[in-house]
PDB file of N, CA and C in Angstrom:
ATOM      1  N   MET A   1       4.705 176.028  -3.054  1.00  0.00           N
ATOM      2  CA  MET A   1       3.844 174.873  -3.551  1.00  0.00           C
ATOM      3  C   MET A   1       5.452 173.945  -3.695  1.00  0.00           C
ATOM      4  N   ARG A   2       4.292 172.860  -3.741  1.00  0.00           N
ATOM      5  CA  ARG A   2       5.941 171.500  -3.958  1.00  0.00           C
ATOM      6  C   ARG A   2       5.162 170.515  -4.685  1.00  0.00           C
ATOM      7  N   HIS A   3       6.166 169.705  -5.088  1.00  0.00           N
ATOM      8  CA  HIS A   3       5.177 168.467  -5.726  1.00  0.00           C
ATOM      9  C   HIS A   3       4.781 167.295  -4.839  1.00  0.00           C
ATOM     10  N   TRP A   4       4.064 166.534  -5.015  1.00  0.00           N
ATOM     11  CA  TRP A   4       2.911 165.892  -4.563  1.00  0.00           C
ATOM     12  C   TRP A   4       4.082 164.686  -3.569  1.00  0.00           C
ATOM     13  N   LYS A   5       3.510 164.933  -2.650  1.00  0.00           N
ATOM     14  CA  LYS A   5       4.672 163.392  -2.019  1.00  0.00           C
ATOM     15  C   LYS A   5       3.317 162.521  -0.772  1.00  0.00           C
ATOM     16  N   GLU A   6       4.042 161.440  -1.197  1.00  0.00           N
ATOM     17  CA  GLU A   6       2.895 160.337  -0.652  1.00  0.00           C
ATOM     18  C   GLU A   6       3.290 160.084   0.394  1.00  0.00           C
ATOM     19  N   CYS A   7       2.229 160.111   1.779  1.00  0.00           N
ATOM     20  CA  CYS A   7       2.134 159.950   2.828  1.00  0.00           C
ATOM     21  C   CYS A   7       3.214 161.553   3.806  1.00  0.00           C
ATOM     22  N   TYR A   8       2.595 162.484   2.859  1.00  0.00           N
ATOM     23  CA  TYR A   8       2.955 163.821   3.344  1.00  0.00           C
ATOM     24  C   TYR A   8       2.857 164.628   4.659  1.00  0.00           C
ATOM     25  N   ASN A   9       3.927 164.384   5.759  1.00  0.00           N
ATOM     26  CA  ASN A   9       3.351 165.276   7.087  1.00  0.00           C
ATOM     27  C   ASN A   9       3.553 166.293   7.290  1.00  0.00           C
ATOM     28  N   PRO A  10       2.156 167.665   7.447  1.00  0.00           N
ATOM     29  CA  PRO A  10       2.498 168.638   7.208  1.00  0.00           C
ATOM     30  C   PRO A  10       3.616 169.329   8.507  1.00  0.00           C
ATOM     31  N   ASN A  11       3.627 168.580   9.883  1.00  0.00           N
ATOM     32  CA  ASN A  11       4.363 168.850  10.860  1.00  0.00           C
ATOM     33  C   ASN A  11       5.713 168.746  10.414  1.00  0.00           C
ATOM     34  N   GLU A  12       5.951 168.053   9.958  1.00  0.00           N
ATOM     35  CA  GLU A  12       7.567 167.929   9.265  1.00  0.00           C
ATOM     36  C   GLU A  12       7.965 168.483   8.488  1.00  0.00           C
ATOM     37  N   GLY A  13       7.470 169.348   7.829  1.00  0.00           N
ATOM     38  CA  GLY A  13       7.769 170.000   6.747  1.00  0.00           C
ATOM     39  C   GLY A  13       8.348 171.276   6.801  1.00  0.00           C
ATOM     40  N   LYS A  14       9.257 171.727   6.445  1.00  0.00           N
ATOM     41  CA  LYS A  14       9.703 173.071   7.136  1.00  0.00           C
ATOM     42  C   LYS A  14       9.824 174.179   5.592  1.00  0.00           C
ATOM     43  N   LEU A  15       8.871 175.439   5.735  1.00  0.00           N
ATOM     44  CA  LEU A  15       9.272 176.314   4.963  1.00  0.00           C
ATOM     45  C   LEU A  15      10.156 177.307   5.202  1.00  0.00           C
ATOM     46  N   LEU A  16      11.345 177.172   3.913  1.00  0.00           N
ATOM     47  CA  LEU A  16      12.237 178.341   4.492  1.00  0.00           C
ATOM     48  C   LEU A  16      12.354 179.474   3.838  1.00  0.00           C
ATOM     49  N   ALA A  17      11.851 179.779   2.691  1.00  0.00           N
ATOM     50  CA  ALA A  17      11.940 180.422   1.769  1.00  0.00           C
ATOM     51  C   ALA A  17      10.260 180.756   0.775  1.00  0.00           C
ATOM     52  N   THR A  18       9.891 181.978   0.328  1.00  0.00           N
ATOM     53  CA  THR A  18       8.562 181.905  -0.081  1.00  0.00           C
ATOM     54  C   THR A  18       8.635 183.335  -1.141  1.00  0.00           C
ATOM     55  N   ARG A  19       7.454 183.616  -1.711  1.00  0.00           N
ATOM     56  CA  ARG A  19       7.366 184.938  -2.867  1.00  0.00           C
ATOM     57  C   ARG A  19       6.523 185.923  -1.674  1.00  0.00           C
ATOM     58  N   VAL A  20       7.132 187.035  -1.519  1.00  0.00           N
ATOM     59  CA  VAL A  20       6.295 188.153  -0.968  1.00  0.00           C
ATOM     60  C   VAL A  20       6.463 189.268  -1.843  1.00  0.00           C
ATOM     61  N   SER A  21       4.928 189.854  -1.478  1.00  0.00           N
ATOM     62  CA  SER A  21       4.381 191.051  -1.991  1.00  0.00           C
ATOM     63  C   SER A  21       4.745 191.906  -1.604  1.00  0.00           C
ATOM     64  N   VAL A  22       5.666 193.284  -1.740  1.00  0.00           N
ATOM     65  CA  VAL A  22       6.022 194.639  -1.348  1.00  0.00           C
ATOM     66  C   VAL A  22       5.617 195.260  -1.758  1.00  0.00           C
ATOM     67  N   ARG A  23       4.828 196.726  -0.709  1.00  0.00           N
ATOM     68  CA  ARG A  23       4.166 197.871  -1.171  1.00  0.00           C
ATOM     69  C   ARG A  23       5.213 198.480  -1.218  1.00  0.00           C
ATOM     70  N   LEU A  24       5.279 199.715  -1.402  1.00  0.00           N
ATOM     71  CA  LEU A  24       6.333 200.629  -1.744  1.00  0.00           C
ATOM     72  C   LEU A  24       5.891 202.161  -1.717  1.00  0.00           C
ATOM     73  N   PHE A  25       5.182 202.151  -0.688  1.00  0.00           N
ATOM     74  CA  PHE A  25       4.909 203.717  -0.226  1.00  0.00           C
ATOM     75  C   PHE A  25       5.961 205.060  -0.638  1.00  0.00           C
ATOM     76  N   SER A  26       4.981 206.136  -1.281  1.00  0.00           N
ATOM     77  CA  SER A  26       5.497 207.410  -1.342  1.00  0.00           C
ATOM     78  C   SER A  26       7.206 207.367  -2.394  1.00  0.00           C
ATOM     79  N   LEU A  27       6.805 206.354  -3.207  1.00  0.00           N
ATOM     80  CA  LEU A  27       7.764 206.267  -3.955  1.00  0.00           C
ATOM     81  C   LEU A  27       7.810 206.787  -5.132  1.00  0.00           C
ATOM     82  N   PRO A  28       8.493 208.111  -5.880  1.00  0.00           N
ATOM     83  CA  PRO A  28       8.025 208.628  -7.126  1.00  0.00           C
ATOM     84  C   PRO A  28       8.033 207.774  -8.362  1.00  0.00           C
ATOM     85  N   ILE A  29       7.688 208.364  -8.795  1.00  0.00           N
ATOM     86  CA  ILE A  29       7.040 207.765 -10.269  1.00  0.00           C
ATOM     87  C   ILE A  29       8.148 207.825 -11.400  1.00  0.00           C
ATOM     88  N   TYR A  30       9.187 208.318 -11.057  1.00  0.00           N
ATOM     89  CA  TYR A  30      10.589 207.847 -11.845  1.00  0.00           C
ATOM     90  C   TYR A  30      11.111 207.221 -11.520  1.00  0.00           C
ATOM     91  N   PHE A  31      10.579 206.396 -10.354  1.00  0.00           N
ATOM     92  CA  PHE A  31      11.879 205.886  -9.286  1.00  0.00           C
ATOM     93  C   PHE A  31      10.888 204.309  -9.822  1.00  0.00           C
ATOM     94  N   TRP A  32       9.458 204.429 -10.981  1.00  0.00           N
ATOM     95  CA  TRP A  32       8.946 202.872 -11.507  1.00  0.00           C
ATOM     96  C   TRP A  32       9.310 202.415 -12.796  1.00  0.00           C
ATOM     97  N   ASP A  33      10.432 202.556 -12.773  1.00  0.00           N
ATOM     98  CA  ASP A  33      11.312 201.531 -14.003  1.00  0.00           C
ATOM     99  C   ASP A  33      12.063 200.224 -13.095  1.00  0.00           C
ATOM    100  N   PRO A  34      11.489 199.196 -14.294  1.00  0.00           N
ATOM    101  CA  PRO A  34      12.013 197.938 -13.453  1.00  0.00           C
ATOM    102  C   PRO A  34      12.929 197.820 -13.084  1.00  0.00           C
ATOM    103  N   GLU A  35      14.677 198.520 -13.993  1.00  0.00           N
ATOM    104  CA  GLU A  35      15.467 198.154 -13.649  1.00  0.00           C
ATOM    105  C   GLU A  35      15.461 198.455 -11.900  1.00  0.00           C
ATOM    106  N   ILE A  36      15.341 199.812 -11.550  1.00  0.00           N
ATOM    107  CA  ILE A  36      15.508 200.736 -10.446  1.00  0.00           C
ATOM    108  C   ILE A  36      14.571 199.663  -9.297  1.00  0.00           C
ATOM    109  N   LEU A  37      13.359 198.969  -9.851  1.00  0.00           N
ATOM    110  CA  LEU A  37      12.221 198.215  -8.388  1.00  0.00           C
ATOM    111  C   LEU A  37      12.993 196.723  -8.426  1.00  0.00           C
ATOM    112  N   GLY A  38      13.661 196.230  -9.591  1.00  0.00           N
ATOM    113  CA  GLY A  38      14.357 195.220  -8.962  1.00  0.00           C
ATOM    114  C   GLY A  38      15.721 195.429  -8.114  1.00  0.00           C
ATOM    115  N   GLY A  39      16.447 196.725  -8.378  1.00  0.00           N
ATOM    116  CA  GLY A  39      17.280 197.130  -7.614  1.00  0.00           C
ATOM    117  C   GLY A  39      17.125 196.831  -6.777  1.00  0.00           C
ATOM    118  N   ILE A  40      15.703 197.802  -6.075  1.00  0.00           N
ATOM    119  CA  ILE A  40      15.424 198.138  -4.506  1.00  0.00           C
ATOM    120  C   ILE A  40      15.113 196.433  -4.109  1.00  0.00           C
ATOM    121  N   GLY A  41      14.258 195.738  -4.820  1.00  0.00           N
ATOM    122  CA  GLY A  41      13.573 194.132  -4.776  1.00  0.00           C
ATOM    123  C   GLY A  41      15.338 193.347  -4.553  1.00  0.00           C
ATOM    124  N   ASN A  42      15.698 193.374  -4.554  1.00  0.00           N
ATOM    125  CA  ASN A  42      17.623 192.676  -4.726  1.00  0.00           C
ATOM    126  C   ASN A  42      18.232 193.199  -3.398  1.00  0.00           C
ATOM    127  N   SER A  43      17.686 194.342  -3.165  1.00  0.00           N
ATOM    128  CA  SER A  43      18.383 194.835  -1.672  1.00  0.00           C
ATOM    129  C   SER A  43      17.025 194.392  -0.302  1.00  0.00           C
ATOM    130  N   ILE A  44      15.926 193.518  -0.387  1.00  0.00           N
ATOM    131  CA  ILE A  44      15.058 192.954   0.275  1.00  0.00           C
ATOM    132  C   ILE A  44      15.145 191.243   0.436  1.00  0.00           C
ATOM    133  N   GLY A  45      15.436 190.911  -1.198  1.00  0.00           N
ATOM    134  CA  GLY A  45      15.266 189.555  -1.013  1.00  0.00           C
ATOM    135  C   GLY A  45      15.871 189.291  -2.474  1.00  0.00           C
ATOM    136  N   ASN A  46      15.348 188.291  -3.050  1.00  0.00           N
ATOM    137  CA  ASN A  46      15.573 188.099  -4.656  1.00  0.00           C
ATOM    138  C   ASN A  46      14.404 189.104  -4.944  1.00  0.00           C
ATOM    139  N   PHE A  47      14.672 189.761  -6.434  1.00  0.00           N
ATOM    140  CA  PHE A  47      13.793 190.389  -7.112  1.00  0.00           C
ATOM    141  C   PHE A  47      13.206 189.236  -8.514  1.00  0.00           C
ATOM    142  N   PHE A  48      11.910 189.204  -8.354  1.00  0.00           N
ATOM    143  CA  PHE A  48      11.181 188.306  -8.814  1.00  0.00           C
ATOM    144  C   PHE A  48      10.139 189.011 -10.046  1.00  0.00           C
ATOM    145  N   LYS A  49       9.557 189.684  -9.679  1.00  0.00           N
ATOM    146  CA  LYS A  49       8.574 190.564 -10.813  1.00  0.00           C
ATOM    147  C   LYS A  49       7.857 191.704  -9.962  1.00  0.00           C
ATOM    148  N   VAL A  50       7.536 192.469 -11.073  1.00  0.00           N
ATOM    149  CA  VAL A  50       7.083 193.804 -11.101  1.00  0.00           C
ATOM    150  C   VAL A  50       5.529 193.180 -11.037  1.00  0.00           C
ATOM    151  N   ALA A  51       4.525 193.330  -9.809  1.00  0.00           N
ATOM    152  CA  ALA A  51       3.070 193.450 -10.398  1.00  0.00           C
ATOM    153  C   ALA A  51       1.930 194.198 -11.472  1.00  0.00           C
ATOM    154  N   ASP A  52       1.307 193.056 -12.217  1.00  0.00           N
ATOM    155  CA  ASP A  52       0.994 193.964 -12.721  1.00  0.00           C
ATOM    156  C   ASP A  52       0.224 195.216 -12.681  1.00  0.00           C
ATOM    157  N   SER A  53      -0.306 195.744 -11.470  1.00  0.00           N
ATOM    158  CA  SER A  53      -0.827 196.644 -11.413  1.00  0.00           C
ATOM    159  C   SER A  53       0.225 197.984 -11.280  1.00  0.00           C
ATOM    160  N   THR A  54       1.403 197.605 -10.974  1.00  0.00           N
ATOM    161  CA  THR A  54       2.351 198.914 -10.831  1.00  0.00           C
ATOM    162  C   THR A  54       2.473 198.477 -12.365  1.00  0.00           C
ATOM    163  N   TRP A  55       2.466 197.813 -13.125  1.00  0.00           N
ATOM    164  CA  TRP A  55       3.060 197.987 -14.331  1.00  0.00           C
ATOM    165  C   TRP A  55       2.515 198.577 -15.444  1.00  0.00           C
ATOM    166  N   TRP A  56       1.032 197.947 -15.126  1.00  0.00           N
ATOM    167  CA  TRP A  56       0.270 199.149 -16.086  1.00  0.00           C
ATOM    168  C   TRP A  56      -0.289 200.697 -14.978  1.00  0.00           C
ATOM    169  N   GLY A  57       0.156 200.951 -14.349  1.00  0.00           N
ATOM    170  CA  GLY A  57      -0.036 202.117 -13.242  1.00  0.00           C
ATOM    171  C   GLY A  57      -1.375 202.549 -12.644  1.00  0.00           C
ATOM    172  N   ARG A  58      -1.889 200.577 -12.468  1.00  0.00           N
ATOM    173  CA  ARG A  58      -3.300 201.176 -11.631  1.00  0.00           C
ATOM    174  C   ARG A  58      -3.514 202.071 -10.453  1.00  0.00           C
ATOM    175  N   TYR A  59      -2.654 201.323  -9.599  1.00  0.00           N
ATOM    176  CA  TYR A  59      -2.850 202.350  -8.507  1.00  0.00           C
ATOM    177  C   TYR A  59      -1.195 203.226  -8.550  1.00  0.00           C
ATOM    178  N   THR A  60      -1.516 204.192  -8.366  1.00  0.00           N
ATOM    179  CA  THR A  60      -0.435 205.438  -8.260  1.00  0.00           C
ATOM    180  C   THR A  60      -0.293 205.521  -6.731  1.00  0.00           C
ATOM    181  N   SER A  61      -0.210 205.387  -5.923  1.00  0.00           N
ATOM    182  CA  SER A  61      -0.231 205.898  -3.897  1.00  0.00           C
ATOM    183  C   SER A  61       1.151 204.741  -3.594  1.00  0.00           C
ATOM    184  N   TYR A  62       1.010 203.437  -4.686  1.00  0.00           N
ATOM    185  CA  TYR A  62       2.430 202.913  -3.913  1.00  0.00           C
ATOM    186  C   TYR A  62       3.017 201.647  -5.015  1.00  0.00           C
ATOM    187  N   ALA A  63       4.175 201.755  -5.579  1.00  0.00           N
ATOM    188  CA  ALA A  63       4.439 200.460  -6.438  1.00  0.00           C
ATOM    189  C   ALA A  63       4.630 199.295  -5.370  1.00  0.00           C
ATOM    190  N   ASN A  64       4.263 197.958  -6.398  1.00  0.00           N
ATOM    191  CA  ASN A  64       4.101 196.738  -5.376  1.00  0.00           C
ATOM    192  C   ASN A  64       4.916 195.765  -6.706  1.00  0.00           C
ATOM    193  N   ILE A  65       5.649 195.034  -5.813  1.00  0.00           N
ATOM    194  CA  ILE A  65       6.867 193.861  -6.641  1.00  0.00           C
ATOM    195  C   ILE A  65       6.802 192.760  -5.639  1.00  0.00           C
ATOM    196  N   CYS A  66       6.917 191.772  -6.613  1.00  0.00           N
ATOM    197  CA  CYS A  66       7.254 190.485  -5.296  1.00  0.00           C
ATOM    198  C   CYS A  66       8.950 189.767  -5.246  1.00  0.00           C
ATOM    199  N   VAL A  67       9.090 189.813  -4.098  1.00  0.00           N
ATOM    200  CA  VAL A  67      10.090 189.423  -3.953  1.00  0.00           C
ATOM    201  C   VAL A  67      10.106 187.754  -3.246  1.00  0.00           C
ATOM    202  N   TYR A  68      11.416 187.248  -3.562  1.00  0.00           N
ATOM    203  CA  TYR A  68      11.535 185.983  -3.275  1.00  0.00           C
ATOM    204  C   TYR A  68      12.749 186.048  -1.845  1.00  0.00           C
ATOM    205  N   MET A  69      12.170 185.869  -1.040  1.00  0.00           N
ATOM    206  CA  MET A  69      13.093 185.628   0.428  1.00  0.00           C
ATOM    207  C   MET A  69      12.986 184.583   1.278  1.00  0.00           C
ATOM    208  N   ASN A  70      14.384 184.223   2.178  1.00  0.00           N
ATOM    209  CA  ASN A  70      14.229 183.275   3.062  1.00  0.00           C
ATOM    210  C   ASN A  70      13.799 184.090   4.115  1.00  0.00           C
ATOM    211  N   ILE A  71      12.302 183.045   4.774  1.00  0.00           N
ATOM    212  CA  ILE A  71      11.817 183.703   5.713  1.00  0.00           C
ATOM    213  C   ILE A  71      12.093 182.972   7.466  1.00  0.00           C
ATOM    214  N   THR A  72      13.136 182.713   7.044  1.00  0.00           N
ATOM    215  CA  THR A  72      13.470 181.911   8.549  1.00  0.00           C
ATOM    216  C   THR A  72      14.550 182.997   9.124  1.00  0.00           C
ATOM    217  N   LYS A  73      15.119 183.900   8.504  1.00  0.00           N
ATOM    218  CA  LYS A  73      16.127 184.633   8.733  1.00  0.00           C
ATOM    219  C   LYS A  73      14.988 186.353   8.886  1.00  0.00           C
ATOM    220  N   LEU A  74      14.223 186.048   9.495  1.00  0.00           N
ATOM    221  CA  LEU A  74      13.206 188.335   9.548  1.00  0.00           C
ATOM    222  C   LEU A  74      13.366 188.060  11.210  1.00  0.00           C
ATOM    223  N   PRO A  75      13.659 189.000  11.158  1.00  0.00           N
ATOM    224  CA  PRO A  75      13.647 189.432  12.775  1.00  0.00           C
ATOM    225  C   PRO A  75      12.325 189.179  13.973  1.00  0.00           C
TER     226      PRO A  75
END
């Protein structure tokens, strides 16, 4: 999201970074600590938050975190 800019041309705008949702499958439940999930998130990009579904334990097949990352350096 960006602030409204008069006469904005989307073809000229560059998206360099964004928030990305990451699902961590087969992660043991004892790793579902916010500090551990934050460390995993920081190894991928800049950790933003633990998803509410993970925080409240709605789904136990995967942990879901949100990471802010530079998308211009993806392989």
